[in-house]
Amino acid sequence: MCRMNISKWVGVAFVSLSFTACSLPAVVQKSASTAVPASYNTSQDTTNTAKTRWQEYFTDPNLSALINTALQNNQELNITLQEIQIAQSEVRARKGEYLPSVGLKTGAGLDKVARYTNIGAMEANTNIDREKEMPEPLPDFLVGAYAKWEVDIWHKLRNAKKAAVMRYLSSVEGKNFMVTNLVAEVANSYYELLALDNQLAIVHQNIEIQTNVLGIVKAQKEAAKVNELAVRRFEAQVLSIKSLQYSIKQKITETENRINFLIGRYPQPIVRSSQDFSKLELATMQAGMPAQLLENRPDIKQAELELAAAKLDVEVAKANFYPSLGITAGIGIQAFDPSYLLKTPESLLYSLAGDLTAPLINRTAIKVTYYGASAKQLQAVYNYERTVLNAYIEVSNQLSNISNLEKSYNLKAQQVQALTQSIDISNELFKSARADYMEVLLTQREALESKFELIETKMQQLNAHVEMYQALGGGWN
């Protein structure tokens, strides 16, 4: 138990200090856990692809140009840059609170007091000198300077400034995280656009193939080898494929406009690579060690800085329970006649005062602030741990995704090859009346679907590499 043995001459502020020491509210304190698994799937490779600059990771010059434009013109990124300026202004404001404030003061006035009062009676019987009476009404002219400074005994102002610095640095990391996401979003949309181009080319090829088959079917109908039903089914298949091209064109338009929005410009065609989509490859992906996420991922560093700022906020809130020491000073010249202002020391005035104040009885608002800061500190701890856990899981998921997509792509490529060969076989069998027209239709439909699936899997592969690069924390440095 605290005991307050205070001498009679001790001021009220020191009584409050002792009282505060005994009754400071208890809050829960928690430290963030920074432990992560030692490796991904027992890998000991320390090379991390996140260290690769995006200009070296994405080698397509058209994609690089789009990313460069996005980093300059993206509105959301520019909004975030202004938030950084706001945070920087907060740092300057906190630094200004820590330093003394100095101001200048000048003024003029006129004063007439009642004769039958203490002051009026004294002024009536007071002469400025032997021959000059006190003027009535009494003018007043003042020129001076004043200063005010709160002595930061408990580091309240210093910690508030440090917290503002942490939040400024956090806003910078937030911008870096947005850059990472923006680079990944532009790259994913670009690869989606290439995939749609490839799908449209396949549709055009199938329209040509099926139009030729329709001609064959019509010729066979003329020769009474097939009936009108076969002709109509093949016509319906050709029309279905032709209609498919327009839905793909709509997706191309929407994807182009999504990219245009990301790079901050009105709709216009996107210049893109004409390289064979199936042969597109990205750099070899290396995940490194999980501990490197703490250094590479901007969102983890942002959460860490927010946690540091929240801890400082608790210290600032705690300091509000203690006495604050303020010092005020002023110096100037004052007289009722401007001609006397420069007659010193008679017109000179100065003051110096110190005050020590502390909360004693009603401290509810201070307690609420303290509890709120403590709760936010716990919230920041949980947010940091959640961010680290989420980062590790994202990398783990993408490692598995890259591996499974590679196996899936190889199998689908074999499926496409087999179905492409089966189209020629079914057409030859149909011409010699050894296969039904339904077999031809089914084979063509399956081949088209398998080609679309192969392109989709290739796009997923490219996106998985982009998202893995993003998950590791690449793209911002």
Protein backbone atom coordinates (compact mmCIF):
# COMPACT_ATOMS: atom_id res chain seq x y z
CA MET A 1 0.00 0.00 0.00
CA CYS A 2 1.15 3.49 -0.83
CA ARG A 3 1.65 5.85 2.10
CA MET A 4 1.50 9.65 1.73
CA ASN A 5 3.78 11.32 4.28
CA ILE A 6 3.56 14.94 3.13
CA SER A 7 4.79 18.02 4.94
CA LYS A 8 2.46 20.94 5.43
CA TRP A 9 4.37 23.14 3.01
CA VAL A 10 4.07 20.76 0.06
CA GLY A 11 1.85 22.18 -2.71
CA VAL A 12 -1.39 20.72 -3.95
CA ALA A 13 0.24 19.54 -7.16
CA PHE A 14 2.64 17.29 -5.29
CA VAL A 15 -0.23 15.90 -3.24
CA SER A 16 -1.91 15.08 -6.54
CA LEU A 17 1.28 13.39 -7.79
CA SER A 18 1.41 11.10 -4.77
CA PHE A 19 -2.31 10.40 -5.05
CA THR A 20 -1.90 9.53 -8.72
CA ALA A 21 0.95 7.15 -8.00
CA CYS A 22 -1.34 5.22 -5.66
CA SER A 23 -4.43 5.18 -7.86
CA LEU A 24 -3.18 4.95 -11.46
CA PRO A 25 -5.73 2.73 -13.29
CA ALA A 26 -4.56 -0.78 -14.07
CA VAL A 27 -4.59 -1.78 -17.77
CA VAL A 28 -3.65 -4.93 -19.68
CA GLN A 29 -0.22 -4.81 -21.32
CA LYS A 30 0.65 -7.25 -24.11
CA SER A 31 3.73 -7.70 -26.27
CA ALA A 32 3.43 -8.79 -29.88
CA SER A 33 4.74 -12.20 -30.87
CA THR A 34 7.18 -12.06 -33.80
CA ALA A 35 7.78 -15.81 -34.01
CA VAL A 36 7.26 -17.36 -37.45
CA PRO A 37 8.03 -20.89 -38.74
CA ALA A 38 11.66 -21.47 -39.59
CA SER A 39 11.00 -22.34 -43.24
CA TYR A 40 8.46 -23.12 -45.95
CA ASN A 41 8.12 -26.88 -46.30
CA THR A 42 11.59 -27.46 -44.76
CA SER A 43 13.28 -25.42 -47.52
CA GLN A 44 16.59 -23.83 -46.48
CA ASP A 45 16.85 -21.50 -49.50
CA THR A 46 17.51 -17.93 -48.31
CA THR A 47 17.21 -16.29 -51.75
CA ASN A 48 14.06 -14.18 -51.88
CA THR A 49 12.43 -13.03 -55.12
CA ALA A 50 10.94 -10.02 -53.30
CA LYS A 51 14.38 -8.39 -53.51
CA THR A 52 14.07 -8.31 -57.30
CA ARG A 53 12.93 -4.92 -58.62
CA TRP A 54 9.67 -5.07 -60.55
CA GLN A 55 11.43 -3.65 -63.65
CA GLU A 56 13.55 -6.82 -63.68
CA TYR A 57 10.74 -9.19 -62.70
CA PHE A 58 8.30 -8.04 -65.42
CA THR A 59 10.29 -8.02 -68.65
CA ASP A 60 7.43 -7.29 -71.08
CA PRO A 61 8.09 -3.67 -72.19
CA ASN A 62 4.37 -2.98 -72.71
CA LEU A 63 3.56 -4.12 -69.17
CA SER A 64 6.47 -2.11 -67.76
CA ALA A 65 5.15 1.02 -69.49
CA LEU A 66 1.69 0.46 -68.00
CA ILE A 67 3.10 -0.01 -64.49
CA ASN A 68 5.22 3.13 -64.81
CA THR A 69 2.19 5.14 -65.86
CA ALA A 70 0.11 3.72 -63.02
CA LEU A 71 2.73 4.67 -60.45
CA GLN A 72 2.59 8.26 -61.69
CA ASN A 73 -1.12 8.75 -62.38
CA ASN A 74 -3.12 6.35 -60.19
CA GLN A 75 -5.54 8.53 -58.21
CA GLU A 76 -5.70 6.28 -55.17
CA LEU A 77 -1.93 6.26 -54.90
CA ASN A 78 -1.83 10.05 -55.22
CA ILE A 79 -4.45 10.32 -52.45
CA THR A 80 -2.18 8.20 -50.25
CA LEU A 81 0.77 10.47 -51.03
CA GLN A 82 -1.27 13.39 -49.69
CA GLU A 83 -1.99 11.40 -46.54
CA ILE A 84 1.77 11.15 -46.09
CA GLN A 85 1.98 14.93 -46.30
CA ILE A 86 -0.76 15.17 -43.68
CA ALA A 87 1.16 12.82 -41.38
CA GLN A 88 4.31 14.88 -41.92
CA SER A 89 2.42 18.02 -40.92
CA GLU A 90 1.33 16.26 -37.73
CA VAL A 91 4.99 15.61 -36.91
CA ARG A 92 5.77 19.31 -37.35
CA ALA A 93 2.81 20.25 -35.16
CA ARG A 94 3.93 17.90 -32.37
CA LYS A 95 7.47 19.24 -32.59
CA GLY A 96 6.09 22.77 -32.25
CA GLU A 97 4.25 21.80 -29.06
CA TYR A 98 7.50 20.54 -27.59
CA LEU A 99 9.25 23.89 -28.16
CA PRO A 100 8.44 27.22 -26.43
CA SER A 101 5.90 29.44 -28.15
CA VAL A 102 6.89 33.10 -28.57
CA GLY A 103 4.64 35.91 -29.74
CA LEU A 104 4.51 39.67 -30.16
CA LYS A 105 1.81 41.89 -28.73
CA THR A 106 0.87 45.48 -29.36
CA GLY A 107 -2.19 47.40 -28.33
CA ALA A 108 -3.76 50.72 -27.55
CA GLY A 109 -6.71 51.66 -25.36
CA LEU A 110 -8.58 54.36 -23.50
CA ASP A 111 -9.80 54.09 -19.92
CA LYS A 112 -12.11 56.32 -17.87
CA VAL A 113 -12.82 55.25 -14.29
CA ALA A 114 -15.46 56.68 -12.00
CA ARG A 115 -14.24 59.46 -9.67
CA TYR A 116 -15.91 58.04 -6.59
CA THR A 117 -14.03 54.73 -6.58
CA ASN A 118 -10.74 53.67 -5.06
CA ILE A 119 -8.88 53.83 -8.36
CA GLY A 120 -10.63 57.05 -9.43
CA ALA A 121 -9.78 58.76 -6.14
CA MET A 122 -6.14 57.69 -6.36
CA GLU A 123 -5.78 58.86 -9.96
CA ALA A 124 -7.36 62.23 -9.09
CA ASN A 125 -4.72 62.79 -6.43
CA THR A 126 -1.78 61.48 -8.48
CA ASN A 127 0.45 63.63 -10.65
CA ILE A 128 2.80 62.34 -13.28
CA ASP A 129 5.27 64.95 -12.11
CA ARG A 130 5.00 68.09 -10.04
CA GLU A 131 3.24 70.12 -12.71
CA LYS A 132 1.36 67.52 -14.77
CA GLU A 133 -1.73 65.74 -13.60
CA MET A 134 -2.87 62.27 -14.62
CA PRO A 135 -4.79 62.64 -17.90
CA GLU A 136 -8.48 61.80 -17.98
CA PRO A 137 -9.55 59.69 -19.75
CA LEU A 138 -6.33 57.64 -19.51
CA PRO A 139 -4.80 56.35 -22.78
CA ASP A 140 -2.77 53.16 -22.79
CA PHE A 141 -0.12 52.05 -25.32
CA LEU A 142 1.70 48.73 -25.17
CA VAL A 143 4.42 46.98 -27.19
CA GLY A 144 5.88 43.71 -25.94
CA ALA A 145 6.78 40.08 -26.41
CA TYR A 146 5.62 37.04 -24.50
CA ALA A 147 6.66 33.39 -24.27
CA LYS A 148 5.00 30.26 -22.97
CA TRP A 149 6.57 26.86 -22.46
CA GLU A 150 5.36 23.63 -20.94
CA VAL A 151 8.33 21.85 -19.40
CA ASP A 152 8.12 18.26 -20.57
CA ILE A 153 8.80 16.64 -17.19
CA TRP A 154 7.17 13.30 -17.96
CA HIS A 155 8.11 13.18 -21.68
CA LYS A 156 4.45 13.58 -22.64
CA LEU A 157 5.16 15.97 -25.50
CA ARG A 158 8.27 14.10 -26.57
CA ASN A 159 6.38 10.79 -26.74
CA ALA A 160 3.54 12.47 -28.63
CA LYS A 161 6.07 13.71 -31.18
CA LYS A 162 7.63 10.23 -31.45
CA ALA A 163 4.16 8.71 -31.96
CA ALA A 164 3.51 11.21 -34.77
CA VAL A 165 6.84 10.24 -36.37
CA MET A 166 5.89 6.55 -36.16
CA ARG A 167 2.57 7.25 -37.84
CA TYR A 168 4.31 9.24 -40.55
CA LEU A 169 6.64 6.31 -41.23
CA SER A 170 3.61 4.01 -41.11
CA SER A 171 1.91 6.09 -43.79
CA VAL A 172 5.03 5.71 -45.95
CA GLU A 173 4.86 1.92 -45.55
CA GLY A 174 1.15 2.10 -46.35
CA LYS A 175 2.07 3.82 -49.60
CA ASN A 176 4.64 1.09 -50.32
CA PHE A 177 2.01 -1.58 -49.69
CA MET A 178 -0.32 0.18 -52.11
CA VAL A 179 2.46 0.28 -54.72
CA THR A 180 2.92 -3.48 -54.31
CA ASN A 181 -0.81 -4.08 -54.78
CA LEU A 182 -1.01 -1.67 -57.72
CA VAL A 183 1.88 -3.34 -59.57
CA ALA A 184 0.27 -6.76 -59.02
CA GLU A 185 -3.19 -5.56 -60.11
CA VAL A 186 -1.88 -4.02 -63.34
CA ALA A 187 0.14 -7.16 -64.12
CA ASN A 188 -2.79 -9.53 -63.43
CA SER A 189 -5.15 -7.44 -65.58
CA TYR A 190 -2.56 -7.34 -68.38
CA TYR A 191 -2.19 -11.14 -68.38
CA GLU A 192 -5.98 -11.51 -68.31
CA LEU A 193 -6.13 -9.29 -71.38
CA LEU A 194 -3.58 -11.47 -73.19
CA ALA A 195 -5.59 -14.57 -72.25
CA LEU A 196 -8.78 -13.06 -73.66
CA ASP A 197 -6.96 -12.16 -76.88
CA ASN A 198 -5.86 -15.79 -77.15
CA GLN A 199 -9.35 -17.08 -76.49
CA LEU A 200 -10.75 -14.79 -79.18
CA ALA A 201 -8.16 -16.09 -81.67
CA ILE A 202 -9.18 -19.68 -80.85
CA VAL A 203 -12.86 -18.79 -81.38
CA HIS A 204 -12.03 -17.36 -84.81
CA GLN A 205 -10.15 -20.55 -85.70
CA ASN A 206 -13.10 -22.67 -84.56
CA ILE A 207 -15.54 -20.56 -86.57
CA GLU A 208 -13.48 -21.25 -89.68
CA ILE A 209 -13.18 -24.97 -88.91
CA GLN A 210 -16.85 -25.45 -88.14
CA THR A 211 -17.94 -23.39 -91.15
CA ASN A 212 -15.93 -25.78 -93.33
CA VAL A 213 -17.53 -28.77 -91.59
CA LEU A 214 -20.97 -27.22 -92.14
CA GLY A 215 -20.21 -27.06 -95.85
CA ILE A 216 -19.30 -30.73 -95.82
CA VAL A 217 -22.53 -31.61 -94.00
CA LYS A 218 -24.59 -29.65 -96.51
CA ALA A 219 -22.85 -31.48 -99.36
CA GLN A 220 -23.56 -34.81 -97.70
CA LYS A 221 -27.22 -33.82 -97.31
CA GLU A 222 -27.35 -33.15 -101.04
CA ALA A 223 -25.94 -36.64 -101.51
CA ALA A 224 -28.62 -38.00 -99.12
CA LYS A 225 -26.00 -39.23 -96.66
CA VAL A 226 -27.33 -37.12 -93.77
CA ASN A 227 -30.66 -35.47 -93.06
CA GLU A 228 -31.75 -31.87 -92.41
CA LEU A 229 -31.33 -32.38 -88.64
CA ALA A 230 -27.57 -32.74 -88.99
CA VAL A 231 -27.40 -29.53 -91.05
CA ARG A 232 -29.41 -27.60 -88.46
CA ARG A 233 -27.33 -28.90 -85.54
CA PHE A 234 -24.10 -27.83 -87.25
CA GLU A 235 -25.61 -24.42 -88.12
CA ALA A 236 -26.58 -23.96 -84.47
CA GLN A 237 -23.05 -24.87 -83.40
CA VAL A 238 -21.53 -22.28 -85.78
CA LEU A 239 -23.93 -19.58 -84.57
CA SER A 240 -23.13 -20.43 -80.94
CA ILE A 241 -19.41 -20.05 -81.56
CA LYS A 242 -19.94 -16.79 -83.44
CA SER A 243 -21.97 -15.34 -80.54
CA LEU A 244 -19.23 -16.38 -78.10
CA GLN A 245 -16.76 -13.99 -79.72
CA TYR A 246 -18.86 -10.98 -78.70
CA SER A 247 -18.92 -11.88 -75.01
CA ILE A 248 -15.14 -12.23 -75.17
CA LYS A 249 -14.87 -8.83 -76.90
CA GLN A 250 -16.95 -7.31 -74.10
CA LYS A 251 -14.59 -8.80 -71.50
CA ILE A 252 -11.64 -7.40 -73.45
CA THR A 253 -13.20 -3.93 -73.38
CA GLU A 254 -13.88 -4.15 -69.63
CA THR A 255 -10.36 -5.40 -68.90
CA GLU A 256 -8.81 -2.64 -71.01
CA ASN A 257 -10.87 -0.06 -69.15
CA ARG A 258 -9.90 -1.55 -65.80
CA ILE A 259 -6.25 -1.06 -66.76
CA ASN A 260 -7.02 2.46 -68.02
CA PHE A 261 -8.61 3.25 -64.66
CA LEU A 262 -5.59 1.91 -62.78
CA ILE A 263 -3.22 4.06 -64.82
CA GLY A 264 -5.45 7.12 -64.45
CA ARG A 265 -6.63 7.79 -68.00
CA TYR A 266 -9.83 7.68 -70.03
CA PRO A 267 -10.62 4.56 -72.13
CA GLN A 268 -8.29 3.85 -75.01
CA PRO A 269 -6.74 0.71 -76.53
CA ILE A 270 -4.05 -1.03 -74.48
CA VAL A 271 -0.84 -1.77 -76.36
CA ARG A 272 0.11 -5.35 -75.59
CA SER A 273 2.41 -8.17 -76.58
CA SER A 274 1.64 -10.39 -79.56
CA GLN A 275 3.86 -13.17 -78.22
CA ASP A 276 2.38 -16.69 -78.03
CA PHE A 277 0.48 -16.71 -74.76
CA SER A 278 1.28 -20.33 -74.01
CA LYS A 279 5.02 -19.55 -74.09
CA LEU A 280 4.93 -16.66 -71.62
CA GLU A 281 7.15 -17.29 -68.62
CA LEU A 282 8.12 -15.33 -65.53
CA ALA A 283 11.33 -15.38 -63.56
CA THR A 284 12.02 -18.34 -61.29
CA MET A 285 10.23 -17.90 -57.98
CA GLN A 286 12.16 -18.29 -54.71
CA ALA A 287 10.34 -17.77 -51.42
CA GLY A 288 13.35 -17.53 -49.12
CA MET A 289 12.75 -17.75 -45.36
CA PRO A 290 9.54 -16.72 -43.52
CA ALA A 291 11.50 -14.34 -41.28
CA GLN A 292 12.28 -12.25 -44.36
CA LEU A 293 8.60 -11.31 -44.57
CA LEU A 294 9.10 -9.04 -41.55
CA GLU A 295 11.58 -7.04 -43.60
CA ASN A 296 10.04 -7.23 -47.06
CA ARG A 297 6.29 -6.82 -46.53
CA PRO A 298 5.27 -3.15 -46.21
CA ASP A 299 2.00 -4.05 -44.47
CA ILE A 300 3.92 -5.85 -41.70
CA LYS A 301 6.25 -2.89 -41.24
CA GLN A 302 3.23 -0.60 -41.24
CA ALA A 303 1.54 -2.66 -38.52
CA GLU A 304 4.79 -2.68 -36.52
CA LEU A 305 5.06 1.12 -36.66
CA GLU A 306 1.39 1.52 -35.72
CA LEU A 307 2.06 -0.71 -32.72
CA ALA A 308 5.02 1.44 -31.66
CA ALA A 309 2.89 4.58 -31.98
CA ALA A 310 0.08 3.00 -29.94
CA LYS A 311 2.52 2.16 -27.12
CA LEU A 312 3.71 5.76 -27.06
CA ASP A 313 0.09 6.93 -26.94
CA VAL A 314 -0.34 4.94 -23.73
CA GLU A 315 2.65 6.74 -22.21
CA VAL A 316 1.21 10.10 -23.27
CA ALA A 317 -2.16 9.23 -21.73
CA LYS A 318 -0.46 8.09 -18.53
CA ALA A 319 1.46 11.36 -18.26
CA ASN A 320 -1.85 13.24 -18.11
CA PHE A 321 -2.27 11.97 -14.53
CA TYR A 322 0.91 13.76 -13.42
CA PRO A 323 1.44 17.48 -12.74
CA SER A 324 2.40 19.72 -15.63
CA LEU A 325 4.86 22.57 -15.24
CA GLY A 326 4.25 25.68 -17.32
CA ILE A 327 6.49 28.76 -17.55
CA THR A 328 5.27 32.09 -18.89
CA ALA A 329 7.32 35.23 -19.42
CA GLY A 330 6.81 38.64 -20.96
CA ILE A 331 8.72 41.83 -21.57
CA GLY A 332 7.68 45.12 -23.14
CA ILE A 333 7.07 48.85 -22.76
CA GLN A 334 3.82 50.50 -21.72
CA ALA A 335 2.75 54.10 -21.16
CA PHE A 336 -0.26 56.38 -21.46
CA ASP A 337 1.58 58.61 -23.90
CA PRO A 338 3.58 57.30 -26.90
CA SER A 339 6.31 59.84 -26.15
CA TYR A 340 7.01 58.04 -22.85
CA LEU A 341 7.38 54.56 -24.37
CA LEU A 342 11.11 54.92 -24.90
CA LYS A 343 11.74 56.38 -21.44
CA THR A 344 13.12 53.41 -19.60
CA PRO A 345 13.22 51.96 -17.06
CA GLU A 346 9.99 53.81 -16.16
CA SER A 347 8.03 52.42 -19.15
CA LEU A 348 9.60 48.95 -18.96
CA LEU A 349 7.50 46.01 -17.79
CA TYR A 350 8.36 42.34 -17.49
CA SER A 351 6.96 39.22 -15.89
CA LEU A 352 8.07 35.67 -15.14
CA ALA A 353 5.79 33.04 -13.68
CA GLY A 354 5.64 29.29 -13.27
CA ASP A 355 2.64 27.13 -12.55
CA LEU A 356 2.38 23.51 -11.51
CA THR A 357 -1.03 21.96 -12.03
CA ALA A 358 -2.38 18.46 -11.79
CA PRO A 359 -5.77 16.74 -11.77
CA LEU A 360 -6.94 15.91 -8.26
CA ILE A 361 -10.63 15.06 -8.03
CA ASN A 362 -12.51 14.74 -11.33
CA ARG A 363 -10.25 12.63 -13.56
CA THR A 364 -12.88 10.72 -15.53
CA ALA A 365 -11.90 12.16 -18.92
CA ILE A 366 -8.23 11.38 -18.31
CA LYS A 367 -9.06 7.80 -17.29
CA VAL A 368 -11.22 7.30 -20.36
CA THR A 369 -8.39 8.54 -22.59
CA TYR A 370 -5.96 6.22 -20.80
CA TYR A 371 -8.23 3.19 -21.14
CA GLY A 372 -8.86 4.03 -24.80
CA ALA A 373 -5.12 4.30 -25.56
CA SER A 374 -4.51 0.99 -23.77
CA ALA A 375 -7.26 -0.74 -25.75
CA LYS A 376 -5.85 0.64 -29.02
CA GLN A 377 -2.42 -0.66 -28.03
CA LEU A 378 -3.87 -4.16 -27.57
CA GLN A 379 -5.69 -3.78 -30.86
CA ALA A 380 -2.41 -2.84 -32.57
CA VAL A 381 -0.74 -5.95 -31.09
CA TYR A 382 -3.45 -8.23 -32.46
CA ASN A 383 -3.39 -6.46 -35.81
CA TYR A 384 0.38 -6.93 -36.08
CA GLU A 385 0.15 -10.63 -35.26
CA ARG A 386 -2.74 -11.07 -37.69
CA THR A 387 -0.79 -9.31 -40.45
CA VAL A 388 2.24 -11.57 -39.95
CA LEU A 389 0.05 -14.69 -39.92
CA ASN A 390 -1.82 -13.59 -43.02
CA ALA A 391 1.46 -12.91 -44.86
CA TYR A 392 2.81 -16.38 -44.08
CA ILE A 393 -0.43 -18.07 -45.15
CA GLU A 394 -0.53 -16.08 -48.42
CA VAL A 395 2.99 -17.25 -49.31
CA SER A 396 2.21 -20.84 -48.29
CA ASN A 397 -0.96 -20.86 -50.41
CA GLN A 398 0.81 -19.47 -53.47
CA LEU A 399 3.66 -21.97 -53.18
CA SER A 400 1.12 -24.77 -53.26
CA ASN A 401 -0.86 -23.04 -56.01
CA ILE A 402 2.18 -22.66 -58.30
CA SER A 403 3.07 -26.33 -57.87
CA ASN A 404 -0.47 -27.61 -58.49
CA LEU A 405 -1.09 -25.31 -61.47
CA GLU A 406 2.10 -26.52 -63.13
CA LYS A 407 0.93 -30.14 -62.88
CA SER A 408 -2.57 -29.21 -64.00
CA TYR A 409 -1.27 -27.28 -67.02
CA ASN A 410 0.83 -30.21 -68.20
CA LEU A 411 -2.16 -32.56 -68.07
CA LYS A 412 -4.48 -30.09 -69.80
CA ALA A 413 -1.92 -29.54 -72.54
CA GLN A 414 -1.97 -33.30 -73.20
CA GLN A 415 -5.77 -33.22 -73.18
CA VAL A 416 -5.84 -30.42 -75.77
CA GLN A 417 -3.40 -32.29 -77.96
CA ALA A 418 -5.50 -35.45 -77.82
CA LEU A 419 -8.78 -33.62 -78.54
CA THR A 420 -7.23 -31.59 -81.38
CA GLN A 421 -6.15 -34.83 -83.03
CA SER A 422 -9.60 -36.30 -82.42
CA ILE A 423 -11.21 -33.46 -84.43
CA ASP A 424 -9.38 -34.51 -87.58
CA ILE A 425 -10.15 -38.16 -86.87
CA SER A 426 -13.86 -37.50 -86.31
CA ASN A 427 -14.09 -35.42 -89.49
CA GLU A 428 -12.50 -38.18 -91.57
CA LEU A 429 -14.76 -40.81 -90.01
CA PHE A 430 -17.79 -38.62 -90.65
CA LYS A 431 -16.85 -38.18 -94.32
CA SER A 432 -16.65 -41.98 -94.72
CA ALA A 433 -19.92 -42.45 -92.81
CA ARG A 434 -18.19 -44.33 -90.01
CA ALA A 435 -19.02 -41.70 -87.35
CA ASP A 436 -22.24 -39.99 -86.43
CA TYR A 437 -22.50 -36.19 -86.77
CA MET A 438 -23.16 -35.96 -83.01
CA GLU A 439 -19.71 -37.41 -82.38
CA VAL A 440 -18.20 -34.69 -84.54
CA LEU A 441 -20.14 -31.95 -82.71
CA LEU A 442 -19.23 -33.33 -79.30
CA THR A 443 -15.55 -33.66 -80.22
CA GLN A 444 -15.38 -30.09 -81.49
CA ARG A 445 -17.14 -28.74 -78.38
CA GLU A 446 -14.84 -30.65 -76.03
CA ALA A 447 -11.75 -29.50 -77.94
CA LEU A 448 -12.86 -25.86 -77.73
CA GLU A 449 -13.60 -26.12 -74.01
CA SER A 450 -10.26 -27.81 -73.35
CA LYS A 451 -8.39 -25.03 -75.20
CA PHE A 452 -10.23 -22.42 -73.16
CA GLU A 453 -9.39 -24.28 -69.96
CA LEU A 454 -5.74 -24.49 -70.98
CA ILE A 455 -5.61 -20.72 -71.52
CA GLU A 456 -7.39 -20.17 -68.20
CA THR A 457 -4.87 -22.40 -66.43
CA LYS A 458 -1.97 -20.55 -68.09
CA MET A 459 -3.43 -17.23 -66.91
CA GLN A 460 -3.79 -18.64 -63.40
CA GLN A 461 -0.14 -19.69 -63.53
CA LEU A 462 0.96 -16.19 -64.47
CA ASN A 463 -1.32 -14.66 -61.82
CA ALA A 464 0.05 -17.08 -59.22
CA HIS A 465 3.60 -15.88 -59.95
CA VAL A 466 2.45 -12.25 -59.69
CA GLU A 467 0.59 -12.89 -56.43
CA MET A 468 3.54 -14.82 -55.03
CA TYR A 469 5.80 -11.84 -55.81
CA GLN A 470 3.23 -9.63 -54.09
CA ALA A 471 2.89 -11.98 -51.08
CA LEU A 472 6.66 -11.99 -50.55
CA GLY A 473 6.62 -8.17 -50.44
CA GLY A 474 8.06 -7.40 -53.87
CA GLY A 475 7.22 -4.55 -56.19
CA TRP A 476 7.63 -1.44 -53.99
CA ASN A 477 11.40 -1.03 -53.67
